[in-house]
C-alpha atoms as a PDB file:
ATOM      1  CA  MET A   1       0.206  -0.168   0.082  1.00  0.00           C
ATOM      2  CA  ILE A   2       1.152   3.533  -0.914  1.00  0.00           C
ATOM      3  CA  ALA A   3       1.651   5.798   2.024  1.00  0.00           C
ATOM      4  CA  LEU A   4       1.669   9.631   1.262  1.00  0.00           C
ATOM      5  CA  THR A   5       2.906  11.742   3.832  1.00  0.00           C
ATOM      6  CA  GLU A   6       1.510  15.712   4.091  1.00  0.00           C
ATOM      7  CA  SER A   7       5.288  17.107   3.403  1.00  0.00           C
ATOM      8  CA  GLN A   8       4.663  15.092  -0.029  1.00  0.00           C
ATOM      9  CA  ILE A   9       1.658  16.039  -0.672  1.00  0.00           C
ATOM     10  CA  VAL A  10       2.446  20.124  -0.320  1.00  0.00           C
ATOM     11  CA  ALA A  11       5.642  19.249  -2.429  1.00  0.00           C
ATOM     12  CA  TRP A  12       3.836  18.396  -5.190  1.00  0.00           C
ATOM     13  CA  LEU A  13       1.049  20.743  -5.102  1.00  0.00           C
ATOM     14  CA  SER A  14       2.796  23.881  -3.658  1.00  0.00           C
ATOM     15  CA  PRO A  15       4.331  24.328  -7.580  1.00  0.00           C
ATOM     16  CA  LEU A  16       1.190  24.034  -8.945  1.00  0.00           C
ATOM     17  CA  ILE A  17      -0.952  25.708  -6.949  1.00  0.00           C
ATOM     18  CA  TRP A  18       0.386  29.011  -6.331  1.00  0.00           C
ATOM     19  CA  PRO A  19       0.616  29.766 -10.184  1.00  0.00           C
ATOM     20  CA  PHE A  20      -2.474  28.255 -10.737  1.00  0.00           C
ATOM     21  CA  LEU A  21      -3.956  31.519  -8.418  1.00  0.00           C
ATOM     22  CA  ARG A  22      -1.417  34.366 -10.106  1.00  0.00           C
ATOM     23  CA  VAL A  23      -2.636  32.959 -13.475  1.00  0.00           C
ATOM     24  CA  LEU A  24      -6.627  32.790 -12.813  1.00  0.00           C
ATOM     25  CA  ALA A  25      -6.324  36.025 -11.298  1.00  0.00           C
ATOM     26  CA  VAL A  26      -4.839  37.367 -14.444  1.00  0.00           C
ATOM     27  CA  PHE A  27      -7.609  36.142 -16.612  1.00  0.00           C
ATOM     28  CA  THR A  28     -10.032  37.670 -14.118  1.00  0.00           C
ATOM     29  CA  SER A  29      -8.625  41.199 -14.694  1.00  0.00           C
ATOM     30  CA  ALA A  30      -7.315  41.178 -17.974  1.00  0.00           C
ATOM     31  CA  PRO A  31      -8.468  42.592 -21.152  1.00  0.00           C
ATOM     32  CA  ILE A  32      -9.951  39.409 -24.046  1.00  0.00           C
ATOM     33  CA  PHE A  33      -9.099  37.045 -20.906  1.00  0.00           C
ATOM     34  CA  SER A  34     -11.861  38.188 -18.888  1.00  0.00           C
ATOM     35  CA  SER A  35     -14.150  39.069 -21.631  1.00  0.00           C
ATOM     36  CA  ARG A  36     -18.058  37.643 -21.221  1.00  0.00           C
ATOM     37  CA  ALA A  37     -17.615  35.675 -23.916  1.00  0.00           C
ATOM     38  CA  PHE A  38     -14.691  33.433 -22.508  1.00  0.00           C
ATOM     39  CA  PRO A  39     -16.397  30.747 -20.306  1.00  0.00           C
ATOM     40  CA  LEU A  40     -15.857  30.703 -16.577  1.00  0.00           C
ATOM     41  CA  ARG A  41     -14.507  26.910 -16.797  1.00  0.00           C
ATOM     42  CA  ALA A  42     -12.513  27.318 -19.766  1.00  0.00           C
ATOM     43  CA  ARG A  43     -10.932  30.343 -18.091  1.00  0.00           C
ATOM     44  CA  VAL A  44     -10.336  28.090 -15.210  1.00  0.00           C
ATOM     45  CA  GLY A  45      -8.946  25.307 -17.480  1.00  0.00           C
ATOM     46  CA  LEU A  46      -6.550  26.997 -19.169  1.00  0.00           C
ATOM     47  CA  ALA A  47      -5.428  28.453 -15.876  1.00  0.00           C
ATOM     48  CA  LEU A  48      -4.393  25.119 -14.763  1.00  0.00           C
ATOM     49  CA  LEU A  49      -3.189  23.740 -18.063  1.00  0.00           C
ATOM     50  CA  ILE A  50      -0.437  27.381 -18.398  1.00  0.00           C
ATOM     51  CA  ALA A  51       0.431  26.237 -14.574  1.00  0.00           C
ATOM     52  CA  ILE A  52       1.180  22.789 -15.179  1.00  0.00           C
ATOM     53  CA  ALA A  53       2.929  23.646 -18.100  1.00  0.00           C
ATOM     54  CA  ALA A  54       4.902  26.429 -16.042  1.00  0.00           C
ATOM     55  CA  GLU A  55       5.408  24.148 -13.433  1.00  0.00           C
ATOM     56  CA  PRO A  56       9.187  22.840 -14.565  1.00  0.00           C
ATOM     57  CA  SER A  57      10.587  26.182 -15.496  1.00  0.00           C
ATOM     58  CA  LEU A  58       9.636  27.350 -11.917  1.00  0.00           C
ATOM     59  CA  THR A  59      12.523  26.584  -9.920  1.00  0.00           C
ATOM     60  CA  GLY A  60      13.396  28.124  -6.480  1.00  0.00           C
ATOM     61  CA  GLN A  61      10.623  28.790  -5.105  1.00  0.00           C
ATOM     62  CA  PRO A  62       9.842  28.228  -1.293  1.00  0.00           C
ATOM     63  CA  VAL A  63       7.277  25.749  -0.247  1.00  0.00           C
ATOM     64  CA  ILE A  64       4.532  26.547   1.664  1.00  0.00           C
ATOM     65  CA  SER A  65       1.951  24.705   3.250  1.00  0.00           C
ATOM     66  CA  MET A  66      -1.779  25.377   2.254  1.00  0.00           C
ATOM     67  CA  THR A  67      -2.472  24.444   5.621  1.00  0.00           C
ATOM     68  CA  GLY A  68      -0.056  26.780   7.448  1.00  0.00           C
ATOM     69  CA  PRO A  69      -0.125  30.112   8.528  1.00  0.00           C
ATOM     70  CA  ASP A  70       1.663  31.547   5.519  1.00  0.00           C
ATOM     71  CA  ALA A  71      -1.215  30.125   3.114  1.00  0.00           C
ATOM     72  CA  LEU A  72      -3.283  33.287   3.245  1.00  0.00           C
ATOM     73  CA  GLY A  73      -0.585  35.311   2.927  1.00  0.00           C
ATOM     74  CA  ALA A  74       0.650  33.961  -0.087  1.00  0.00           C
ATOM     75  CA  VAL A  75      -2.886  33.663  -1.400  1.00  0.00           C
ATOM     76  CA  PHE A  76      -2.988  37.756  -1.175  1.00  0.00           C
ATOM     77  CA  GLN A  77       0.101  37.423  -2.660  1.00  0.00           C
ATOM     78  CA  GLN A  78      -0.658  35.374  -5.702  1.00  0.00           C
ATOM     79  CA  VAL A  79      -4.375  37.100  -6.325  1.00  0.00           C
ATOM     80  CA  GLY A  80      -2.881  40.545  -5.940  1.00  0.00           C
ATOM     81  CA  ILE A  81       0.044  40.295  -8.249  1.00  0.00           C
ATOM     82  CA  GLY A  82      -2.444  38.635 -11.259  1.00  0.00           C
ATOM     83  CA  LEU A  83      -4.849  41.466 -10.380  1.00  0.00           C
ATOM     84  CA  ALA A  84      -2.274  44.145 -10.934  1.00  0.00           C
ATOM     85  CA  ILE A  85      -0.695  42.318 -14.304  1.00  0.00           C
ATOM     86  CA  GLY A  86      -4.495  42.769 -15.441  1.00  0.00           C
ATOM     87  CA  PHE A  87      -4.999  46.173 -14.735  1.00  0.00           C
ATOM     88  CA  THR A  88      -1.876  47.304 -15.951  1.00  0.00           C
ATOM     89  CA  VAL A  89      -2.720  45.755 -19.274  1.00  0.00           C
ATOM     90  CA  ARG A  90      -6.267  47.370 -18.730  1.00  0.00           C
ATOM     91  CA  LEU A  91      -4.872  50.682 -18.851  1.00  0.00           C
ATOM     92  CA  VAL A  92      -2.899  50.313 -22.108  1.00  0.00           C
ATOM     93  CA  PHE A  93      -5.907  49.975 -23.633  1.00  0.00           C
ATOM     94  CA  ALA A  94      -7.810  52.662 -21.791  1.00  0.00           C
ATOM     95  CA  SER A  95      -4.862  55.126 -22.957  1.00  0.00           C
ATOM     96  CA  VAL A  96      -6.432  54.219 -26.535  1.00  0.00           C
ATOM     97  CA  GLU A  97      -9.992  54.605 -25.363  1.00  0.00           C
ATOM     98  CA  LEU A  98      -9.007  58.376 -23.911  1.00  0.00           C
ATOM     99  CA  ALA A  99      -7.645  59.448 -27.493  1.00  0.00           C
ATOM    100  CA  GLY A 100     -10.708  58.318 -28.564  1.00  0.00           C
ATOM    101  CA  GLU A 101     -13.181  60.224 -25.845  1.00  0.00           C
ATOM    102  CA  VAL A 102     -10.888  63.423 -26.860  1.00  0.00           C
ATOM    103  CA  VAL A 103     -10.834  62.950 -30.637  1.00  0.00           C
ATOM    104  CA  GLY A 104     -14.599  62.154 -30.368  1.00  0.00           C
ATOM    105  CA  PHE A 105     -14.900  65.470 -28.030  1.00  0.00           C
ATOM    106  CA  GLN A 106     -13.604  67.551 -31.078  1.00  0.00           C
ATOM    107  CA  MET A 107     -15.243  66.172 -33.964  1.00  0.00           C
ATOM    108  CA  GLY A 108     -18.556  66.782 -31.771  1.00  0.00           C
ATOM    109  CA  LEU A 109     -19.492  63.478 -31.711  1.00  0.00           C
ATOM    110  CA  ASN A 110     -19.453  62.159 -27.754  1.00  0.00           C
ATOM    111  CA  PHE A 111     -23.270  63.137 -27.735  1.00  0.00           C
ATOM    112  CA  ALA A 112     -23.596  60.143 -29.444  1.00  0.00           C
ATOM    113  CA  SER A 113     -23.034  57.788 -26.655  1.00  0.00           C
ATOM    114  CA  PHE A 114     -23.632  54.072 -25.934  1.00  0.00           C
ATOM    115  CA  PHE A 115     -23.376  51.707 -22.881  1.00  0.00           C
ATOM    116  CA  ASN A 116     -19.734  49.785 -22.975  1.00  0.00           C
ATOM    117  CA  PRO A 117     -20.264  46.238 -21.558  1.00  0.00           C
ATOM    118  CA  SER A 118     -16.554  46.077 -20.934  1.00  0.00           C
ATOM    119  CA  LEU A 119     -16.058  48.989 -18.572  1.00  0.00           C
ATOM    120  CA  ASN A 120     -20.242  48.921 -17.267  1.00  0.00           C
ATOM    121  CA  THR A 121     -20.197  52.905 -18.471  1.00  0.00           C
ATOM    122  CA  GLN A 122     -21.605  55.276 -21.157  1.00  0.00           C
ATOM    123  CA  SER A 123     -18.609  55.358 -24.031  1.00  0.00           C
ATOM    124  CA  SER A 124     -18.459  57.223 -27.119  1.00  0.00           C
ATOM    125  CA  ALA A 125     -18.644  56.030 -30.710  1.00  0.00           C
ATOM    126  CA  VAL A 126     -15.096  56.806 -31.470  1.00  0.00           C
ATOM    127  CA  ALA A 127     -13.770  55.842 -27.822  1.00  0.00           C
ATOM    128  CA  ALA A 128     -15.661  52.324 -28.683  1.00  0.00           C
ATOM    129  CA  PHE A 129     -13.846  52.115 -32.702  1.00  0.00           C
ATOM    130  CA  PHE A 130     -10.425  52.971 -30.753  1.00  0.00           C
ATOM    131  CA  GLY A 131     -11.069  50.065 -28.137  1.00  0.00           C
ATOM    132  CA  GLN A 132     -11.835  47.621 -30.597  1.00  0.00           C
ATOM    133  CA  MET A 133      -8.829  48.764 -32.533  1.00  0.00           C
ATOM    134  CA  SER A 134      -7.037  48.344 -29.626  1.00  0.00           C
ATOM    135  CA  THR A 135      -8.098  44.933 -29.004  1.00  0.00           C
ATOM    136  CA  PHE A 136      -7.557  43.529 -32.541  1.00  0.00           C
ATOM    137  CA  LEU A 137      -3.675  45.182 -32.172  1.00  0.00           C
ATOM    138  CA  PHE A 138      -3.595  43.216 -28.901  1.00  0.00           C
ATOM    139  CA  VAL A 139      -4.101  39.726 -30.517  1.00  0.00           C
ATOM    140  CA  VAL A 140      -2.326  41.000 -33.793  1.00  0.00           C
ATOM    141  CA  MET A 141       0.942  41.643 -31.725  1.00  0.00           C
ATOM    142  CA  ASN A 142       0.271  38.683 -29.118  1.00  0.00           C
ATOM    143  CA  GLY A 143      -0.417  40.669 -26.272  1.00  0.00           C
ATOM    144  CA  HIS A 144      -2.146  37.461 -25.108  1.00  0.00           C
ATOM    145  CA  LEU A 145       1.464  35.455 -24.740  1.00  0.00           C
ATOM    146  CA  MET A 146       3.171  38.880 -23.528  1.00  0.00           C
ATOM    147  CA  ILE A 147       0.647  38.402 -20.788  1.00  0.00           C
ATOM    148  CA  LEU A 148       1.567  35.165 -19.665  1.00  0.00           C
ATOM    149  CA  MET A 149       4.926  35.822 -20.048  1.00  0.00           C
ATOM    150  CA  ALA A 150       4.761  38.569 -18.202  1.00  0.00           C
ATOM    151  CA  VAL A 151       3.076  35.949 -15.280  1.00  0.00           C
ATOM    152  CA  ILE A 152       5.817  33.731 -15.827  1.00  0.00           C
ATOM    153  CA  LYS A 153       8.604  36.012 -15.308  1.00  0.00           C
ATOM    154  CA  SER A 154       6.860  37.936 -11.892  1.00  0.00           C
ATOM    155  CA  PHE A 155       7.837  34.574  -9.950  1.00  0.00           C
ATOM    156  CA  GLU A 156      11.295  36.161 -10.503  1.00  0.00           C
ATOM    157  CA  ALA A 157      10.744  39.328  -9.273  1.00  0.00           C
ATOM    158  CA  PHE A 158       7.995  38.451  -7.150  1.00  0.00           C
ATOM    159  CA  PRO A 159       8.418  35.081  -5.509  1.00  0.00           C
ATOM    160  CA  VAL A 160       6.151  32.993  -3.861  1.00  0.00           C
ATOM    161  CA  ASP A 161       5.561  34.550  -0.383  1.00  0.00           C
ATOM    162  CA  GLN A 162       3.206  36.195   2.195  1.00  0.00           C
ATOM    163  CA  ASN A 163       4.710  40.082   1.423  1.00  0.00           C
ATOM    164  CA  PHE A 164       1.728  41.094  -0.778  1.00  0.00           C
ATOM    165  CA  LEU A 165       2.140  44.543   0.454  1.00  0.00           C
ATOM    166  CA  VAL A 166       6.201  44.842  -0.300  1.00  0.00           C
ATOM    167  CA  ALA A 167       5.304  43.412  -3.639  1.00  0.00           C
ATOM    168  CA  LEU A 168       2.757  46.246  -4.192  1.00  0.00           C
ATOM    169  CA  SER A 169       4.673  49.358  -3.236  1.00  0.00           C
ATOM    170  CA  SER A 170       7.981  47.840  -5.837  1.00  0.00           C
ATOM    171  CA  LEU A 171       4.964  47.802  -8.344  1.00  0.00           C
ATOM    172  CA  LYS A 172       4.557  51.425  -8.592  1.00  0.00           C
ATOM    173  CA  LEU A 173       1.472  51.104 -10.424  1.00  0.00           C
ATOM    174  CA  TYR A 174       0.607  54.694 -10.281  1.00  0.00           C
ATOM    175  CA  ASN A 175       3.516  55.556 -12.642  1.00  0.00           C
ATOM    176  CA  LEU A 176       1.136  54.508 -15.292  1.00  0.00           C
ATOM    177  CA  GLY A 177      -1.190  56.817 -14.928  1.00  0.00           C
ATOM    178  CA  ALA A 178       1.191  59.539 -16.162  1.00  0.00           C
ATOM    179  CA  ASP A 179       1.803  57.277 -18.979  1.00  0.00           C
ATOM    180  CA  LEU A 180      -2.218  56.849 -19.859  1.00  0.00           C
ATOM    181  CA  PHE A 181      -2.896  60.538 -20.456  1.00  0.00           C
ATOM    182  CA  ALA A 182       0.554  61.448 -21.843  1.00  0.00           C
ATOM    183  CA  THR A 183       0.050  58.297 -24.625  1.00  0.00           C
ATOM    184  CA  GLY A 184      -3.517  58.999 -25.057  1.00  0.00           C
ATOM    185  CA  LEU A 185      -3.036  62.869 -25.958  1.00  0.00           C
ATOM    186  CA  TRP A 186       0.281  61.581 -28.087  1.00  0.00           C
ATOM    187  CA  ILE A 187      -2.083  59.406 -30.171  1.00  0.00           C
ATOM    188  CA  ALA A 188      -4.913  61.821 -30.059  1.00  0.00           C
ATOM    189  CA  LEU A 189      -2.771  65.239 -30.805  1.00  0.00           C
ATOM    190  CA  PRO A 190      -2.102  64.851 -35.085  1.00  0.00           C
ATOM    191  CA  MET A 191      -5.946  64.793 -35.267  1.00  0.00           C
ATOM    192  CA  ILE A 192      -6.744  67.284 -32.379  1.00  0.00           C
ATOM    193  CA  GLY A 193      -4.415  69.754 -34.472  1.00  0.00           C
ATOM    194  CA  MET A 194      -6.102  69.054 -37.739  1.00  0.00           C
ATOM    195  CA  LEU A 195      -9.540  70.145 -36.025  1.00  0.00           C
ATOM    196  CA  MET A 196      -8.247  73.123 -34.451  1.00  0.00           C
ATOM    197  CA  PHE A 197      -7.297  74.295 -37.017  1.00  0.00           C
ATOM    198  CA  VAL A 198     -10.494  73.938 -39.033  1.00  0.00           C
ATOM    199  CA  ASN A 199     -12.315  75.574 -36.097  1.00  0.00           C
ATOM    200  CA  LEU A 200      -9.809  78.460 -36.077  1.00  0.00           C
ATOM    201  CA  GLY A 201     -10.830  78.449 -40.195  1.00  0.00           C
ATOM    202  CA  LEU A 202     -14.589  78.459 -39.368  1.00  0.00           C
ATOM    203  CA  GLY A 203     -14.347  80.858 -36.553  1.00  0.00           C
ATOM    204  CA  ILE A 204     -12.720  83.566 -39.507  1.00  0.00           C
ATOM    205  CA  VAL A 205     -15.493  82.668 -41.788  1.00  0.00           C
ATOM    206  CA  SER A 206     -18.484  83.364 -39.180  1.00  0.00           C
ATOM    207  CA  ARG A 207     -16.290  86.808 -38.517  1.00  0.00           C
ATOM    208  CA  VAL A 208     -16.632  87.446 -42.165  1.00  0.00           C
ATOM    209  CA  ALA A 209     -19.994  86.375 -42.845  1.00  0.00           C
ATOM    210  CA  PRO A 210     -22.040  86.710 -39.990  1.00  0.00           C
ATOM    211  CA  GLN A 211     -25.223  85.770 -42.237  1.00  0.00           C
ATOM    212  CA  MET A 212     -23.477  82.495 -42.630  1.00  0.00           C
ATOM    213  CA  ASN A 213     -25.164  79.452 -40.709  1.00  0.00           C
ATOM    214  CA  ILE A 214     -22.018  78.195 -38.856  1.00  0.00           C
ATOM    215  CA  TYR A 215     -23.644  75.724 -37.146  1.00  0.00           C
ATOM    216  CA  ALA A 216     -25.386  73.926 -39.805  1.00  0.00           C
ATOM    217  CA  ILE A 217     -21.696  73.961 -41.728  1.00  0.00           C
ATOM    218  CA  GLY A 218     -19.544  73.560 -39.181  1.00  0.00           C
ATOM    219  CA  PHE A 219     -20.489  69.794 -37.825  1.00  0.00           C
ATOM    220  CA  PRO A 220     -20.276  68.062 -40.947  1.00  0.00           C
ATOM    221  CA  ILE A 221     -16.532  69.708 -42.085  1.00  0.00           C
ATOM    222  CA  THR A 222     -15.449  69.040 -38.489  1.00  0.00           C
ATOM    223  CA  LEU A 223     -16.979  65.442 -39.021  1.00  0.00           C
ATOM    224  CA  THR A 224     -15.105  64.747 -42.318  1.00  0.00           C
ATOM    225  CA  VAL A 225     -11.947  66.007 -41.180  1.00  0.00           C
ATOM    226  CA  GLY A 226     -11.642  63.937 -37.644  1.00  0.00           C
ATOM    227  CA  LEU A 227     -12.768  60.800 -40.350  1.00  0.00           C
ATOM    228  CA  MET A 228     -10.067  61.788 -42.396  1.00  0.00           C
ATOM    229  CA  GLY A 229      -7.899  62.066 -40.122  1.00  0.00           C
ATOM    230  CA  ILE A 230      -8.439  58.493 -38.022  1.00  0.00           C
ATOM    231  CA  ALA A 231      -8.519  57.043 -41.186  1.00  0.00           C
ATOM    232  CA  VAL A 232      -4.790  58.523 -41.761  1.00  0.00           C
ATOM    233  CA  THR A 233      -3.250  57.964 -38.528  1.00  0.00           C
ATOM    234  CA  LEU A 234      -5.021  54.489 -37.310  1.00  0.00           C
ATOM    235  CA  PRO A 235      -2.070  52.790 -38.854  1.00  0.00           C
ATOM    236  CA  MET A 236       0.265  54.658 -37.102  1.00  0.00           C
ATOM    237  CA  LEU A 237      -1.426  53.423 -33.461  1.00  0.00           C
ATOM    238  CA  ASP A 238       0.554  50.224 -33.400  1.00  0.00           C
ATOM    239  CA  GLN A 239       4.053  52.102 -32.261  1.00  0.00           C
ATOM    240  CA  PRO A 240       2.307  54.076 -28.758  1.00  0.00           C
ATOM    241  CA  MET A 241       0.514  50.735 -28.137  1.00  0.00           C
ATOM    242  CA  MET A 242       3.729  48.389 -28.341  1.00  0.00           C
ATOM    243  CA  THR A 243       5.427  50.816 -26.384  1.00  0.00           C
ATOM    244  CA  LEU A 244       3.373  51.016 -23.755  1.00  0.00           C
ATOM    245  CA  MET A 245       2.364  47.239 -23.650  1.00  0.00           C
ATOM    246  CA  GLU A 246       6.178  46.840 -22.883  1.00  0.00           C
ATOM    247  CA  ARG A 247       6.252  48.830 -20.349  1.00  0.00           C
ATOM    248  CA  ALA A 248       3.599  47.525 -18.687  1.00  0.00           C
ATOM    249  CA  ILE A 249       5.355  43.740 -19.597  1.00  0.00           C
ATOM    250  CA  ASP A 250       8.722  45.460 -17.773  1.00  0.00           C
ATOM    251  CA  LEU A 251       7.373  46.249 -14.195  1.00  0.00           C
ATOM    252  CA  PHE A 252       6.759  42.177 -13.850  1.00  0.00           C
ATOM    253  CA  ALA A 253       9.817  41.323 -15.940  1.00  0.00           C
ATOM    254  CA  ARG A 254      12.140  42.235 -13.610  1.00  0.00           C
ATOM    255  CA  ARG A 255      12.484  44.599 -10.072  1.00  0.00           C
END
């Protein structure tokens, strides 16, 4: 009869359960993985498969008993770091959607808003379009593989222990807030400049010909120029998104 001790069971399950919790937390908060179209059972099964595949490469990790006093702290750490990875990638999408909000405001399309189920908020048409484009770029540039790489690399920068607050303080996620606004305005800057000159020209026309209804002709002109600006600048969206994505992944790949 085969007899297994508690230490043997812990030694087998400990290298598997902690990566599983961290990957599952990433799937709960990261874009695309956290979509309602992704079934919960498939999410759990994929997280378990990734944890099994990554277990041989996670060497040197401490063995923590799941019934010991350090287990609760380790659970909080894995869930916290996983949620932080997903939240960081979500900021990349938020910067692109911010650019869409700014462009839509300049074009006069902010009144055309609708409910966004992914964020549970109202979103303008241009911001939703930019959000869909960022999703396509995320898949094309293998962003899902970058997320998985960040999860595996995070075990080197943040090994399994109960020091959740120490890991959270060393991440400095608040620095990404400045990058969010800077990248969003950087993406929207060409279209803002074009629309500013259009509004300036419309202002001159309204002063030269006051009898002209500037509101009747201003909206079609700004809408046309804005759509042309989106068509011209959209192929260049991959560079700022890739730059911000690499910066977000580097937070977890190294200290």
